[in-house]
């Protein structure tokens, strides 16, 4: 029963990780790391599939470096900020509460990257 729950949660985490590639403020790597751990506990075949897929590069880079480099963090925050501002001020009406939600979620996402994602052991990797 637990094995099937972990597989389902792992697949959900992969889906959220894929969404994180295109949705501003939604992280990619933490969801993929969670999926990898869940698959490790439940299905080595799915874990190997994840690591061999195009998403595996996020996991391998994070594992190899032990975090994100300062340049990666700056790039991630820059892209997130651009997409959040574009979404909030171009695509969402001015009088919408959705604008506030998008701005707050974007700020939380950016701060999470800066303060909670570990710094890479070596910045020049």
PDB file of N, CA and C in Angstrom:
ATOM      1  N   UNK A   1       0.821  -1.194   0.000  1.00  0.00           N
ATOM      2  CA  UNK A   1       0.000   0.000   0.000  1.00  0.00           C
ATOM      3  C   UNK A   1       0.873   1.270   0.000  1.00  0.00           C
ATOM      4  N   UNK A   2       1.890   1.299   0.851  1.00  0.00           N
ATOM      5  CA  UNK A   2       2.785   2.455   0.930  1.00  0.00           C
ATOM      6  C   UNK A   2       3.526   2.634  -0.389  1.00  0.00           C
ATOM      7  N   UNK A   3       3.928   1.531  -0.982  1.00  0.00           N
ATOM      8  CA  UNK A   3       4.641   1.591  -2.264  1.00  0.00           C
ATOM      9  C   UNK A   3       3.796   2.313  -3.308  1.00  0.00           C
ATOM     10  N   UNK A   4       2.528   1.968  -3.400  1.00  0.00           N
ATOM     11  CA  UNK A   4       1.649   2.604  -4.382  1.00  0.00           C
ATOM     12  C   UNK A   4       1.399   4.078  -4.056  1.00  0.00           C
ATOM     13  N   UNK A   5       1.307   4.387  -2.765  1.00  0.00           N
ATOM     14  CA  UNK A   5       1.149   5.786  -2.347  1.00  0.00           C
ATOM     15  C   UNK A   5       2.385   6.591  -2.734  1.00  0.00           C
ATOM     16  N   UNK A   6       3.581   6.051  -2.479  1.00  0.00           N
ATOM     17  CA  UNK A   6       4.812   6.743  -2.852  1.00  0.00           C
ATOM     18  C   UNK A   6       4.919   6.935  -4.357  1.00  0.00           C
ATOM     19  N   UNK A   7       4.509   5.936  -5.127  1.00  0.00           N
ATOM     20  CA  UNK A   7       4.540   6.076  -6.589  1.00  0.00           C
ATOM     21  C   UNK A   7       3.587   7.187  -7.030  1.00  0.00           C
ATOM     22  N   UNK A   8       2.380   7.200  -6.472  1.00  0.00           N
ATOM     23  CA  UNK A   8       1.403   8.237  -6.836  1.00  0.00           C
ATOM     24  C   UNK A   8       1.912   9.624  -6.451  1.00  0.00           C
ATOM     25  N   UNK A   9       2.453   9.735  -5.240  1.00  0.00           N
ATOM     26  CA  UNK A   9       2.991  11.034  -4.809  1.00  0.00           C
ATOM     27  C   UNK A   9       4.202  11.433  -5.649  1.00  0.00           C
ATOM     28  N   UNK A  10       5.023  10.460  -6.026  1.00  0.00           N
ATOM     29  CA  UNK A  10       6.174  10.739  -6.884  1.00  0.00           C
ATOM     30  C   UNK A  10       5.743  11.260  -8.248  1.00  0.00           C
ATOM     31  N   UNK A  11       4.722  10.643  -8.818  1.00  0.00           N
ATOM     32  CA  UNK A  11       4.210  11.106 -10.116  1.00  0.00           C
ATOM     33  C   UNK A  11       3.617  12.510  -9.998  1.00  0.00           C
ATOM     34  N   UNK A  12       2.921  12.776  -8.885  1.00  0.00           N
ATOM     35  CA  UNK A  12       2.390  14.118  -8.647  1.00  0.00           C
ATOM     36  C   UNK A  12       3.537  15.122  -8.530  1.00  0.00           C
ATOM     37  N   UNK A  13       4.588  14.746  -7.819  1.00  0.00           N
ATOM     38  CA  UNK A  13       5.750  15.642  -7.667  1.00  0.00           C
ATOM     39  C   UNK A  13       6.423  15.901  -9.011  1.00  0.00           C
ATOM     40  N   UNK A  14       6.515  14.873  -9.864  1.00  0.00           N
ATOM     41  CA  UNK A  14       7.076  15.071 -11.205  1.00  0.00           C
ATOM     42  C   UNK A  14       6.216  16.060 -11.980  1.00  0.00           C
ATOM     43  N   UNK A  15       4.894  15.897 -11.902  1.00  0.00           N
ATOM     44  CA  UNK A  15       3.987  16.825 -12.591  1.00  0.00           C
ATOM     45  C   UNK A  15       4.163  18.254 -12.110  1.00  0.00           C
ATOM     46  N   UNK A  16       4.289  18.435 -10.801  1.00  0.00           N
ATOM     47  CA  UNK A  16       4.503  19.779 -10.262  1.00  0.00           C
ATOM     48  C   UNK A  16       5.872  20.318 -10.670  1.00  0.00           C
ATOM     49  N   UNK A  17       6.855  19.437 -10.736  1.00  0.00           N
ATOM     50  CA  UNK A  17       8.187  19.858 -11.186  1.00  0.00           C
ATOM     51  C   UNK A  17       8.167  20.324 -12.631  1.00  0.00           C
ATOM     52  N   UNK A  18       7.440  19.606 -13.477  1.00  0.00           N
ATOM     53  CA  UNK A  18       7.309  20.010 -14.882  1.00  0.00           C
ATOM     54  C   UNK A  18       6.583  21.355 -14.968  1.00  0.00           C
ATOM     55  N   UNK A  19       5.535  21.532 -14.172  1.00  0.00           N
ATOM     56  CA  UNK A  19       4.848  22.828 -14.147  1.00  0.00           C
ATOM     57  C   UNK A  19       5.788  23.937 -13.693  1.00  0.00           C
ATOM     58  N   UNK A  20       6.679  23.609 -12.763  1.00  0.00           N
ATOM     59  CA  UNK A  20       7.633  24.593 -12.262  1.00  0.00           C
ATOM     60  C   UNK A  20       8.588  25.112 -13.322  1.00  0.00           C
ATOM     61  N   UNK A  21       8.758  24.343 -14.396  1.00  0.00           N
ATOM     62  CA  UNK A  21       9.619  24.802 -15.484  1.00  0.00           C
ATOM     63  C   UNK A  21       8.993  26.002 -16.181  1.00  0.00           C
ATOM     64  N   UNK A  22       7.664  26.047 -16.248  1.00  0.00           N
ATOM     65  CA  UNK A  22       6.995  27.102 -17.014  1.00  0.00           C
ATOM     66  C   UNK A  22       6.173  28.075 -16.175  1.00  0.00           C
ATOM     67  N   UNK A  23       5.824  27.714 -14.951  1.00  0.00           N
ATOM     68  CA  UNK A  23       4.987  28.577 -14.109  1.00  0.00           C
ATOM     69  C   UNK A  23       5.874  29.385 -13.171  1.00  0.00           C
ATOM     70  N   UNK A  24       5.799  30.700 -13.258  1.00  0.00           N
ATOM     71  CA  UNK A  24       6.637  31.529 -12.380  1.00  0.00           C
ATOM     72  C   UNK A  24       6.273  31.334 -10.915  1.00  0.00           C
ATOM     73  N   UNK A  25       7.289  31.266 -10.083  1.00  0.00           N
ATOM     74  CA  UNK A  25       7.068  31.129  -8.648  1.00  0.00           C
ATOM     75  C   UNK A  25       6.965  29.691  -8.173  1.00  0.00           C
ATOM     76  N   UNK A  26       6.771  28.741  -9.081  1.00  0.00           N
ATOM     77  CA  UNK A  26       6.671  27.332  -8.702  1.00  0.00           C
ATOM     78  C   UNK A  26       8.035  26.681  -8.928  1.00  0.00           C
ATOM     79  N   UNK A  27       8.639  26.140  -7.875  1.00  0.00           N
ATOM     80  CA  UNK A  27       9.982  25.582  -8.021  1.00  0.00           C
ATOM     81  C   UNK A  27       9.975  24.265  -8.795  1.00  0.00           C
ATOM     82  N   UNK A  28      11.073  23.950  -9.410  1.00  0.00           N
ATOM     83  CA  UNK A  28      11.213  22.694 -10.155  1.00  0.00           C
ATOM     84  C   UNK A  28      12.019  21.679  -9.356  1.00  0.00           C
ATOM     85  N   UNK A  29      13.227  22.044  -8.977  1.00  0.00           N
ATOM     86  CA  UNK A  29      14.154  21.097  -8.364  1.00  0.00           C
ATOM     87  C   UNK A  29      13.620  20.458  -7.079  1.00  0.00           C
ATOM     88  N   UNK A  30      13.015  21.203  -6.146  1.00  0.00           N
ATOM     89  CA  UNK A  30      12.529  20.531  -4.928  1.00  0.00           C
ATOM     90  C   UNK A  30      11.499  19.442  -5.220  1.00  0.00           C
ATOM     91  N   UNK A  31      10.613  19.681  -6.166  1.00  0.00           N
ATOM     92  CA  UNK A  31       9.626  18.663  -6.506  1.00  0.00           C
ATOM     93  C   UNK A  31      10.292  17.451  -7.144  1.00  0.00           C
ATOM     94  N   UNK A  32      11.290  17.690  -7.972  1.00  0.00           N
ATOM     95  CA  UNK A  32      11.982  16.570  -8.609  1.00  0.00           C
ATOM     96  C   UNK A  32      12.824  15.795  -7.603  1.00  0.00           C
ATOM     97  N   UNK A  33      13.422  16.475  -6.641  1.00  0.00           N
ATOM     98  CA  UNK A  33      14.158  15.781  -5.583  1.00  0.00           C
ATOM     99  C   UNK A  33      13.209  14.928  -4.748  1.00  0.00           C
ATOM    100  N   UNK A  34      12.032  15.471  -4.447  1.00  0.00           N
ATOM    101  CA  UNK A  34      11.023  14.705  -3.711  1.00  0.00           C
ATOM    102  C   UNK A  34      10.590  13.485  -4.510  1.00  0.00           C
ATOM    103  N   UNK A  35      10.340  13.668  -5.798  1.00  0.00           N
ATOM    104  CA  UNK A  35       9.940  12.541  -6.644  1.00  0.00           C
ATOM    105  C   UNK A  35      11.026  11.480  -6.676  1.00  0.00           C
ATOM    106  N   UNK A  36      12.267  11.894  -6.791  1.00  0.00           N
ATOM    107  CA  UNK A  36      13.371  10.945  -6.823  1.00  0.00           C
ATOM    108  C   UNK A  36      13.431  10.138  -5.529  1.00  0.00           C
ATOM    109  N   UNK A  37      13.265  10.798  -4.401  1.00  0.00           N
ATOM    110  CA  UNK A  37      13.277  10.109  -3.107  1.00  0.00           C
ATOM    111  C   UNK A  37      12.109   9.137  -2.999  1.00  0.00           C
ATOM    112  N   UNK A  38      10.925   9.587  -3.405  1.00  0.00           N
ATOM    113  CA  UNK A  38       9.748   8.712  -3.354  1.00  0.00           C
ATOM    114  C   UNK A  38       9.922   7.497  -4.257  1.00  0.00           C
ATOM    115  N   UNK A  39      10.475   7.706  -5.454  1.00  0.00           N
ATOM    116  CA  UNK A  39      10.712   6.591  -6.365  1.00  0.00           C
ATOM    117  C   UNK A  39      11.806   5.670  -5.830  1.00  0.00           C
ATOM    118  N   UNK A  40      12.813   6.243  -5.179  1.00  0.00           N
ATOM    119  CA  UNK A  40      13.879   5.441  -4.571  1.00  0.00           C
ATOM    120  C   UNK A  40      13.292   4.467  -3.558  1.00  0.00           C
ATOM    121  N   UNK A  41      12.299   4.934  -2.815  1.00  0.00           N
ATOM    122  CA  UNK A  41      11.661   4.108  -1.787  1.00  0.00           C
ATOM    123  C   UNK A  41      10.635   3.129  -2.356  1.00  0.00           C
ATOM    124  N   UNK A  42      10.131   3.382  -3.563  1.00  0.00           N
ATOM    125  CA  UNK A  42       9.021   2.569  -4.059  1.00  0.00           C
ATOM    126  C   UNK A  42       9.269   1.875  -5.391  1.00  0.00           C
ATOM    127  N   UNK A  43      10.012   2.511  -6.290  1.00  0.00           N
ATOM    128  CA  UNK A  43      10.176   1.956  -7.621  1.00  0.00           C
ATOM    129  C   UNK A  43      11.512   2.399  -8.227  1.00  0.00           C
ATOM    130  N   UNK A  44      12.535   1.575  -8.074  1.00  0.00           N
ATOM    131  CA  UNK A  44      13.822   1.921  -8.671  1.00  0.00           C
ATOM    132  C   UNK A  44      13.728   2.153 -10.183  1.00  0.00           C
ATOM    133  N   UNK A  45      12.808   1.459 -10.832  1.00  0.00           N
ATOM    134  CA  UNK A  45      12.632   1.640 -12.273  1.00  0.00           C
ATOM    135  C   UNK A  45      12.167   3.064 -12.590  1.00  0.00           C
ATOM    136  N   UNK A  46      11.208   3.584 -11.805  1.00  0.00           N
ATOM    137  CA  UNK A  46      10.753   4.960 -12.019  1.00  0.00           C
ATOM    138  C   UNK A  46      11.838   5.967 -11.658  1.00  0.00           C
ATOM    139  N   UNK A  47      12.632   5.662 -10.639  1.00  0.00           N
ATOM    140  CA  UNK A  47      13.717   6.568 -10.290  1.00  0.00           C
ATOM    141  C   UNK A  47      14.733   6.641 -11.429  1.00  0.00           C
ATOM    142  N   UNK A  48      15.073   5.502 -12.006  1.00  0.00           N
ATOM    143  CA  UNK A  48      16.002   5.495 -13.133  1.00  0.00           C
ATOM    144  C   UNK A  48      15.414   6.226 -14.337  1.00  0.00           C
ATOM    145  N   UNK A  49      14.116   6.043 -14.559  1.00  0.00           N
ATOM    146  CA  UNK A  49      13.447   6.762 -15.647  1.00  0.00           C
ATOM    147  C   UNK A  49      13.564   8.269 -15.432  1.00  0.00           C
ATOM    148  N   UNK A  50      13.301   8.720 -14.196  1.00  0.00           N
ATOM    149  CA  UNK A  50      13.364  10.148 -13.887  1.00  0.00           C
ATOM    150  C   UNK A  50      14.781  10.690 -14.093  1.00  0.00           C
ATOM    151  N   UNK A  51      15.770   9.972 -13.589  1.00  0.00           N
ATOM    152  CA  UNK A  51      17.152  10.432 -13.714  1.00  0.00           C
ATOM    153  C   UNK A  51      17.628  10.419 -15.171  1.00  0.00           C
ATOM    154  N   UNK A  52      17.089   9.507 -15.978  1.00  0.00           N
ATOM    155  CA  UNK A  52      17.492   9.426 -17.388  1.00  0.00           C
ATOM    156  C   UNK A  52      16.731  10.412 -18.274  1.00  0.00           C
ATOM    157  N   UNK A  53      15.630  10.955 -17.773  1.00  0.00           N
ATOM    158  CA  UNK A  53      14.833  11.891 -18.568  1.00  0.00           C
ATOM    159  C   UNK A  53      15.486  13.271 -18.596  1.00  0.00           C
ATOM    160  N   UNK A  54      14.927  14.174 -19.369  1.00  0.00           N
ATOM    161  CA  UNK A  54      15.446  15.542 -19.437  1.00  0.00           C
ATOM    162  C   UNK A  54      15.339  16.241 -18.085  1.00  0.00           C
ATOM    163  N   UNK A  55      14.472  15.771 -17.211  1.00  0.00           N
ATOM    164  CA  UNK A  55      14.342  16.354 -15.879  1.00  0.00           C
ATOM    165  C   UNK A  55      15.484  15.934 -14.953  1.00  0.00           C
ATOM    166  N   UNK A  56      16.135  14.829 -15.284  1.00  0.00           N
ATOM    167  CA  UNK A  56      17.208  14.313 -14.450  1.00  0.00           C
ATOM    168  C   UNK A  56      18.364  15.269 -14.281  1.00  0.00           C
ATOM    169  N   UNK A  57      18.559  16.163 -15.258  1.00  0.00           N
ATOM    170  CA  UNK A  57      19.684  17.103 -15.142  1.00  0.00           C
ATOM    171  C   UNK A  57      19.531  18.010 -13.925  1.00  0.00           C
ATOM    172  N   UNK A  58      18.290  18.372 -13.573  1.00  0.00           N
ATOM    173  CA  UNK A  58      18.069  19.208 -12.393  1.00  0.00           C
ATOM    174  C   UNK A  58      18.527  18.471 -11.134  1.00  0.00           C
ATOM    175  N   UNK A  59      18.181  17.205 -11.039  1.00  0.00           N
ATOM    176  CA  UNK A  59      18.531  16.406  -9.869  1.00  0.00           C
ATOM    177  C   UNK A  59      20.032  16.160  -9.820  1.00  0.00           C
ATOM    178  N   UNK A  60      20.609  15.744 -10.943  1.00  0.00           N
ATOM    179  CA  UNK A  60      22.048  15.444 -10.973  1.00  0.00           C
ATOM    180  C   UNK A  60      22.882  16.679 -10.648  1.00  0.00           C
ATOM    181  N   UNK A  61      22.531  17.823 -11.215  1.00  0.00           N
ATOM    182  CA  UNK A  61      23.281  19.053 -10.920  1.00  0.00           C
ATOM    183  C   UNK A  61      23.183  19.425  -9.453  1.00  0.00           C
ATOM    184  N   UNK A  62      21.994  19.320  -8.899  1.00  0.00           N
ATOM    185  CA  UNK A  62      21.800  19.652  -7.494  1.00  0.00           C
ATOM    186  C   UNK A  62      22.609  18.709  -6.606  1.00  0.00           C
ATOM    187  N   UNK A  63      22.536  17.410  -6.908  1.00  0.00           N
ATOM    188  CA  UNK A  63      23.267  16.428  -6.100  1.00  0.00           C
ATOM    189  C   UNK A  63      24.775  16.612  -6.220  1.00  0.00           C
ATOM    190  N   UNK A  64      25.251  16.838  -7.431  1.00  0.00           N
ATOM    191  CA  UNK A  64      26.691  16.976  -7.645  1.00  0.00           C
ATOM    192  C   UNK A  64      27.236  18.211  -6.938  1.00  0.00           C
ATOM    193  N   UNK A  65      26.505  19.279  -6.974  1.00  0.00           N
ATOM    194  CA  UNK A  65      26.980  20.547  -6.410  1.00  0.00           C
ATOM    195  C   UNK A  65      26.578  20.742  -4.956  1.00  0.00           C
ATOM    196  N   UNK A  66      25.579  20.023  -4.491  1.00  0.00           N
ATOM    197  CA  UNK A  66      25.096  20.215  -3.135  1.00  0.00           C
ATOM    198  C   UNK A  66      24.240  21.455  -2.991  1.00  0.00           C
ATOM    199  N   UNK A  67      23.746  21.990  -4.080  1.00  0.00           N
ATOM    200  CA  UNK A  67      22.902  23.184  -4.062  1.00  0.00           C
ATOM    201  C   UNK A  67      22.978  23.905  -5.389  1.00  0.00           C
ATOM    202  N   UNK A  68      22.677  25.185  -5.359  1.00  0.00           N
ATOM    203  CA  UNK A  68      22.719  26.025  -6.555  1.00  0.00           C
ATOM    204  C   UNK A  68      23.840  27.043  -6.422  1.00  0.00           C
ATOM    205  N   UNK A  69      24.484  27.353  -7.540  1.00  0.00           N
ATOM    206  CA  UNK A  69      25.515  28.388  -7.522  1.00  0.00           C
ATOM    207  C   UNK A  69      24.852  29.755  -7.398  1.00  0.00           C
ATOM    208  N   UNK A  70      25.630  30.747  -7.039  1.00  0.00           N
ATOM    209  CA  UNK A  70      25.108  32.112  -6.930  1.00  0.00           C
ATOM    210  C   UNK A  70      24.565  32.575  -8.285  1.00  0.00           C
ATOM    211  N   UNK A  71      25.256  32.220  -9.349  1.00  0.00           N
ATOM    212  CA  UNK A  71      24.797  32.602 -10.688  1.00  0.00           C
ATOM    213  C   UNK A  71      23.474  31.932 -11.027  1.00  0.00           C
ATOM    214  N   UNK A  72      23.308  30.664 -10.652  1.00  0.00           N
ATOM    215  CA  UNK A  72      22.049  29.972 -10.906  1.00  0.00           C
ATOM    216  C   UNK A  72      20.918  30.602 -10.105  1.00  0.00           C
ATOM    217  N   UNK A  73      21.197  30.942  -8.859  1.00  0.00           N
ATOM    218  CA  UNK A  73      20.180  31.589  -8.038  1.00  0.00           C
ATOM    219  C   UNK A  73      19.782  32.936  -8.635  1.00  0.00           C
ATOM    220  N   UNK A  74      20.765  33.716  -9.046  1.00  0.00           N
ATOM    221  CA  UNK A  74      20.478  35.024  -9.646  1.00  0.00           C
ATOM    222  C   UNK A  74      19.660  34.858 -10.926  1.00  0.00           C
ATOM    223  N   UNK A  75      20.035  33.887 -11.746  1.00  0.00           N
ATOM    224  CA  UNK A  75      19.290  33.637 -12.972  1.00  0.00           C
ATOM    225  C   UNK A  75      17.867  33.196 -12.691  1.00  0.00           C
ATOM    226  N   UNK A  76      17.698  32.298 -11.726  1.00  0.00           N
ATOM    227  CA  UNK A  76      16.365  31.815 -11.377  1.00  0.00           C
ATOM    228  C   UNK A  76      15.490  32.952 -10.852  1.00  0.00           C
ATOM    229  N   UNK A  77      16.047  33.755  -9.954  1.00  0.00           N
ATOM    230  CA  UNK A  77      15.279  34.875  -9.401  1.00  0.00           C
ATOM    231  C   UNK A  77      14.967  35.897 -10.493  1.00  0.00           C
ATOM    232  N   UNK A  78      15.898  36.142 -11.394  1.00  0.00           N
ATOM    233  CA  UNK A  78      15.658  37.078 -12.494  1.00  0.00           C
ATOM    234  C   UNK A  78      14.547  36.609 -13.413  1.00  0.00           C
ATOM    235  N   UNK A  79      14.578  35.343 -13.783  1.00  0.00           N
ATOM    236  CA  UNK A  79      13.524  34.810 -14.658  1.00  0.00           C
ATOM    237  C   UNK A  79      12.185  34.801 -13.930  1.00  0.00           C
ATOM    238  N   UNK A  80      12.198  34.391 -12.664  1.00  0.00           N
ATOM    239  CA  UNK A  80      10.954  34.382 -11.891  1.00  0.00           C
ATOM    240  C   UNK A  80      10.372  35.787 -11.781  1.00  0.00           C
ATOM    241  N   UNK A  81      11.216  36.759 -11.483  1.00  0.00           N
ATOM    242  CA  UNK A  81      10.751  38.140 -11.342  1.00  0.00           C
ATOM    243  C   UNK A  81      10.161  38.655 -12.649  1.00  0.00           C
ATOM    244  N   UNK A  82      10.845  38.393 -13.737  1.00  0.00           N
ATOM    245  CA  UNK A  82      10.354  38.826 -15.044  1.00  0.00           C
ATOM    246  C   UNK A  82       8.990  38.216 -15.343  1.00  0.00           C
ATOM    247  N   UNK A  83       8.867  36.913 -15.145  1.00  0.00           N
ATOM    248  CA  UNK A  83       7.612  36.233 -15.467  1.00  0.00           C
ATOM    249  C   UNK A  83       6.477  36.652 -14.528  1.00  0.00           C
ATOM    250  N   UNK A  84       6.790  36.829 -13.256  1.00  0.00           N
ATOM    251  CA  UNK A  84       5.760  37.254 -12.303  1.00  0.00           C
ATOM    252  C   UNK A  84       5.269  38.654 -12.654  1.00  0.00           C
ATOM    253  N   UNK A  85       6.187  39.574 -12.924  1.00  0.00           N
ATOM    254  CA  UNK A  85       5.778  40.937 -13.273  1.00  0.00           C
ATOM    255  C   UNK A  85       5.003  40.971 -14.588  1.00  0.00           C
ATOM    256  N   UNK A  86       5.443  40.197 -15.555  1.00  0.00           N
ATOM    257  CA  UNK A  86       4.725  40.108 -16.824  1.00  0.00           C
ATOM    258  C   UNK A  86       3.311  39.573 -16.601  1.00  0.00           C
ATOM    259  N   UNK A  87       3.223  38.497 -15.832  1.00  0.00           N
ATOM    260  CA  UNK A  87       1.911  37.918 -15.549  1.00  0.00           C
ATOM    261  C   UNK A  87       1.013  38.914 -14.811  1.00  0.00           C
ATOM    262  N   UNK A  88       1.562  39.536 -13.778  1.00  0.00           N
ATOM    263  CA  UNK A  88       0.754  40.407 -12.918  1.00  0.00           C
ATOM    264  C   UNK A  88       0.307  41.689 -13.609  1.00  0.00           C
ATOM    265  N   UNK A  89       1.169  42.267 -14.440  1.00  0.00           N
ATOM    266  CA  UNK A  89       0.842  43.583 -14.986  1.00  0.00           C
ATOM    267  C   UNK A  89       0.428  43.580 -16.446  1.00  0.00           C
ATOM    268  N   UNK A  90       0.581  42.472 -17.140  1.00  0.00           N
ATOM    269  CA  UNK A  90       0.160  42.412 -18.540  1.00  0.00           C
ATOM    270  C   UNK A  90      -1.077  41.547 -18.698  1.00  0.00           C
ATOM    271  N   UNK A  91      -1.107  40.420 -18.012  1.00  0.00           N
ATOM    272  CA  UNK A  91      -2.169  39.449 -18.248  1.00  0.00           C
ATOM    273  C   UNK A  91      -3.287  39.452 -17.209  1.00  0.00           C
ATOM    274  N   UNK A  92      -3.075  40.078 -16.076  1.00  0.00           N
ATOM    275  CA  UNK A  92      -4.083  40.087 -15.020  1.00  0.00           C
ATOM    276  C   UNK A  92      -4.657  41.495 -14.883  1.00  0.00           C
ATOM    277  N   UNK A  93      -5.979  41.615 -14.860  1.00  0.00           N
ATOM    278  CA  UNK A  93      -6.594  42.944 -14.720  1.00  0.00           C
ATOM    279  C   UNK A  93      -6.163  43.643 -13.424  1.00  0.00           C
ATOM    280  N   UNK A  94      -6.085  44.964 -13.485  1.00  0.00           N
ATOM    281  CA  UNK A  94      -5.589  45.758 -12.357  1.00  0.00           C
ATOM    282  C   UNK A  94      -6.437  45.597 -11.102  1.00  0.00           C
ATOM    283  N   UNK A  95      -7.717  45.421 -11.246  1.00  0.00           N
ATOM    284  CA  UNK A  95      -8.591  45.360 -10.075  1.00  0.00           C
ATOM    285  C   UNK A  95      -8.807  43.923  -9.580  1.00  0.00           C
ATOM    286  N   UNK A  96      -7.970  43.010  -9.995  1.00  0.00           N
ATOM    287  CA  UNK A  96      -8.133  41.603  -9.639  1.00  0.00           C
ATOM    288  C   UNK A  96      -7.279  41.234  -8.431  1.00  0.00           C
ATOM    289  N   UNK A  97      -7.866  40.443  -7.541  1.00  0.00           N
ATOM    290  CA  UNK A  97      -7.118  39.937  -6.388  1.00  0.00           C
ATOM    291  C   UNK A  97      -6.047  38.942  -6.852  1.00  0.00           C
ATOM    292  N   UNK A  98      -6.227  38.390  -8.036  1.00  0.00           N
ATOM    293  CA  UNK A  98      -5.244  37.456  -8.582  1.00  0.00           C
ATOM    294  C   UNK A  98      -3.886  38.139  -8.743  1.00  0.00           C
ATOM    295  N   UNK A  99      -3.873  39.426  -9.050  1.00  0.00           N
ATOM    296  CA  UNK A  99      -2.607  40.148  -9.200  1.00  0.00           C
ATOM    297  C   UNK A  99      -1.818  40.112  -7.896  1.00  0.00           C
ATOM    298  N   UNK A 100      -2.484  40.341  -6.790  1.00  0.00           N
ATOM    299  CA  UNK A 100      -1.829  40.327  -5.478  1.00  0.00           C
ATOM    300  C   UNK A 100      -1.317  38.919  -5.171  1.00  0.00           C
ATOM    301  N   UNK A 101      -2.128  37.917  -5.474  1.00  0.00           N
ATOM    302  CA  UNK A 101      -1.733  36.533  -5.213  1.00  0.00           C
ATOM    303  C   UNK A 101      -0.490  36.172  -6.016  1.00  0.00           C
ATOM    304  N   UNK A 102      -0.469  36.549  -7.287  1.00  0.00           N
ATOM    305  CA  UNK A 102       0.683  36.244  -8.142  1.00  0.00           C
ATOM    306  C   UNK A 102       1.930  36.962  -7.627  1.00  0.00           C
ATOM    307  N   UNK A 103       1.801  38.216  -7.259  1.00  0.00           N
ATOM    308  CA  UNK A 103       2.955  38.967  -6.753  1.00  0.00           C
ATOM    309  C   UNK A 103       3.485  38.384  -5.444  1.00  0.00           C
ATOM    310  N   UNK A 104       2.593  38.029  -4.540  1.00  0.00           N
ATOM    311  CA  UNK A 104       3.017  37.453  -3.257  1.00  0.00           C
ATOM    312  C   UNK A 104       3.656  36.076  -3.484  1.00  0.00           C
ATOM    313  N   UNK A 105       3.023  35.239  -4.308  1.00  0.00           N
ATOM    314  CA  UNK A 105       3.574  33.906  -4.582  1.00  0.00           C
ATOM    315  C   UNK A 105       4.950  34.019  -5.245  1.00  0.00           C
ATOM    316  N   UNK A 106       5.105  34.969  -6.150  1.00  0.00           N
ATOM    317  CA  UNK A 106       6.394  35.177  -6.796  1.00  0.00           C
ATOM    318  C   UNK A 106       7.458  35.613  -5.813  1.00  0.00           C
ATOM    319  N   UNK A 107       7.090  36.512  -4.903  1.00  0.00           N
ATOM    320  CA  UNK A 107       8.046  36.971  -3.892  1.00  0.00           C
ATOM    321  C   UNK A 107       8.450  35.823  -2.969  1.00  0.00           C
ATOM    322  N   UNK A 108       7.480  35.016  -2.558  1.00  0.00           N
ATOM    323  CA  UNK A 108       7.782  33.866  -1.700  1.00  0.00           C
ATOM    324  C   UNK A 108       8.689  32.883  -2.437  1.00  0.00           C
ATOM    325  N   UNK A 109       8.398  32.620  -3.708  1.00  0.00           N
ATOM    326  CA  UNK A 109       9.234  31.715  -4.500  1.00  0.00           C
ATOM    327  C   UNK A 109      10.655  32.220  -4.633  1.00  0.00           C
ATOM    328  N   UNK A 110      10.806  33.498  -4.916  1.00  0.00           N
ATOM    329  CA  UNK A 110      12.146  34.079  -5.073  1.00  0.00           C
ATOM    330  C   UNK A 110      12.913  34.041  -3.752  1.00  0.00           C
ATOM    331  N   UNK A 111      12.254  34.391  -2.669  1.00  0.00           N
ATOM    332  CA  UNK A 111      12.913  34.357  -1.359  1.00  0.00           C
ATOM    333  C   UNK A 111      13.278  32.935  -0.962  1.00  0.00           C
ATOM    334  N   UNK A 112      12.454  31.983  -1.332  1.00  0.00           N
ATOM    335  CA  UNK A 112      12.751  30.582  -1.052  1.00  0.00           C
ATOM    336  C   UNK A 112      14.031  30.152  -1.756  1.00  0.00           C
ATOM    337  N   UNK A 113      14.171  30.532  -3.016  1.00  0.00           N
ATOM    338  CA  UNK A 113      15.375  30.187  -3.770  1.00  0.00           C
ATOM    339  C   UNK A 113      16.603  30.801  -3.114  1.00  0.00           C
ATOM    340  N   UNK A 114      16.509  32.063  -2.736  1.00  0.00           N
ATOM    341  CA  UNK A 114      17.664  32.772  -2.195  1.00  0.00           C
ATOM    342  C   UNK A 114      18.046  32.261  -0.802  1.00  0.00           C
ATOM    343  N   UNK A 115      17.054  32.045   0.066  1.00  0.00           N
ATOM    344  CA  UNK A 115      17.373  31.768   1.463  1.00  0.00           C
ATOM    345  C   UNK A 115      17.325  30.297   1.869  1.00  0.00           C
ATOM    346  N   UNK A 116      16.581  29.472   1.149  1.00  0.00           N
ATOM    347  CA  UNK A 116      16.413  28.092   1.601  1.00  0.00           C
ATOM    348  C   UNK A 116      17.094  27.052   0.720  1.00  0.00           C
ATOM    349  N   UNK A 117      17.386  27.381  -0.517  1.00  0.00           N
ATOM    350  CA  UNK A 117      18.117  26.445  -1.365  1.00  0.00           C
ATOM    351  C   UNK A 117      19.596  26.577  -1.005  1.00  0.00           C
ATOM    352  N   UNK A 118      20.249  25.463  -0.672  1.00  0.00           N
ATOM    353  CA  UNK A 118      21.652  25.543  -0.258  1.00  0.00           C
ATOM    354  C   UNK A 118      22.546  26.097  -1.367  1.00  0.00           C
ATOM    355  N   UNK A 119      23.608  26.784  -0.935  1.00  0.00           N
ATOM    356  CA  UNK A 119      24.608  27.260  -1.891  1.00  0.00           C
ATOM    357  C   UNK A 119      25.486  26.084  -2.310  1.00  0.00           C
ATOM    358  N   UNK A 120      25.854  26.077  -3.567  1.00  0.00           N
ATOM    359  CA  UNK A 120      26.713  25.017  -4.089  1.00  0.00           C
ATOM    360  C   UNK A 120      28.053  25.043  -3.352  1.00  0.00           C
ATOM    361  N   UNK A 121      28.645  23.874  -3.210  1.00  0.00           N
ATOM    362  CA  UNK A 121      29.940  23.766  -2.523  1.00  0.00           C
ATOM    363  C   UNK A 121      31.017  24.547  -3.243  1.00  0.00           C
ATOM    364  N   UNK A 122      30.939  24.562  -4.572  1.00  0.00           N
ATOM    365  CA  UNK A 122      31.955  25.243  -5.371  1.00  0.00           C
ATOM    366  C   UNK A 122      31.244  26.021  -6.451  1.00  0.00           C
ATOM    367  N   UNK A 123      31.375  27.338  -6.444  1.00  0.00           N
ATOM    368  CA  UNK A 123      30.660  28.210  -7.375  1.00  0.00           C
ATOM    369  C   UNK A 123      31.148  28.101  -8.821  1.00  0.00           C
ATOM    370  N   UNK A 124      32.331  27.548  -9.041  1.00  0.00           N
ATOM    371  CA  UNK A 124      32.856  27.515 -10.414  1.00  0.00           C
ATOM    372  C   UNK A 124      32.687  26.147 -11.087  1.00  0.00           C
ATOM    373  N   UNK A 125      31.777  25.348 -10.589  1.00  0.00           N
ATOM    374  CA  UNK A 125      31.524  24.033 -11.201  1.00  0.00           C
ATOM    375  C   UNK A 125      30.675  24.209 -12.434  1.00  0.00           C
TER     376      UNK A 125
END
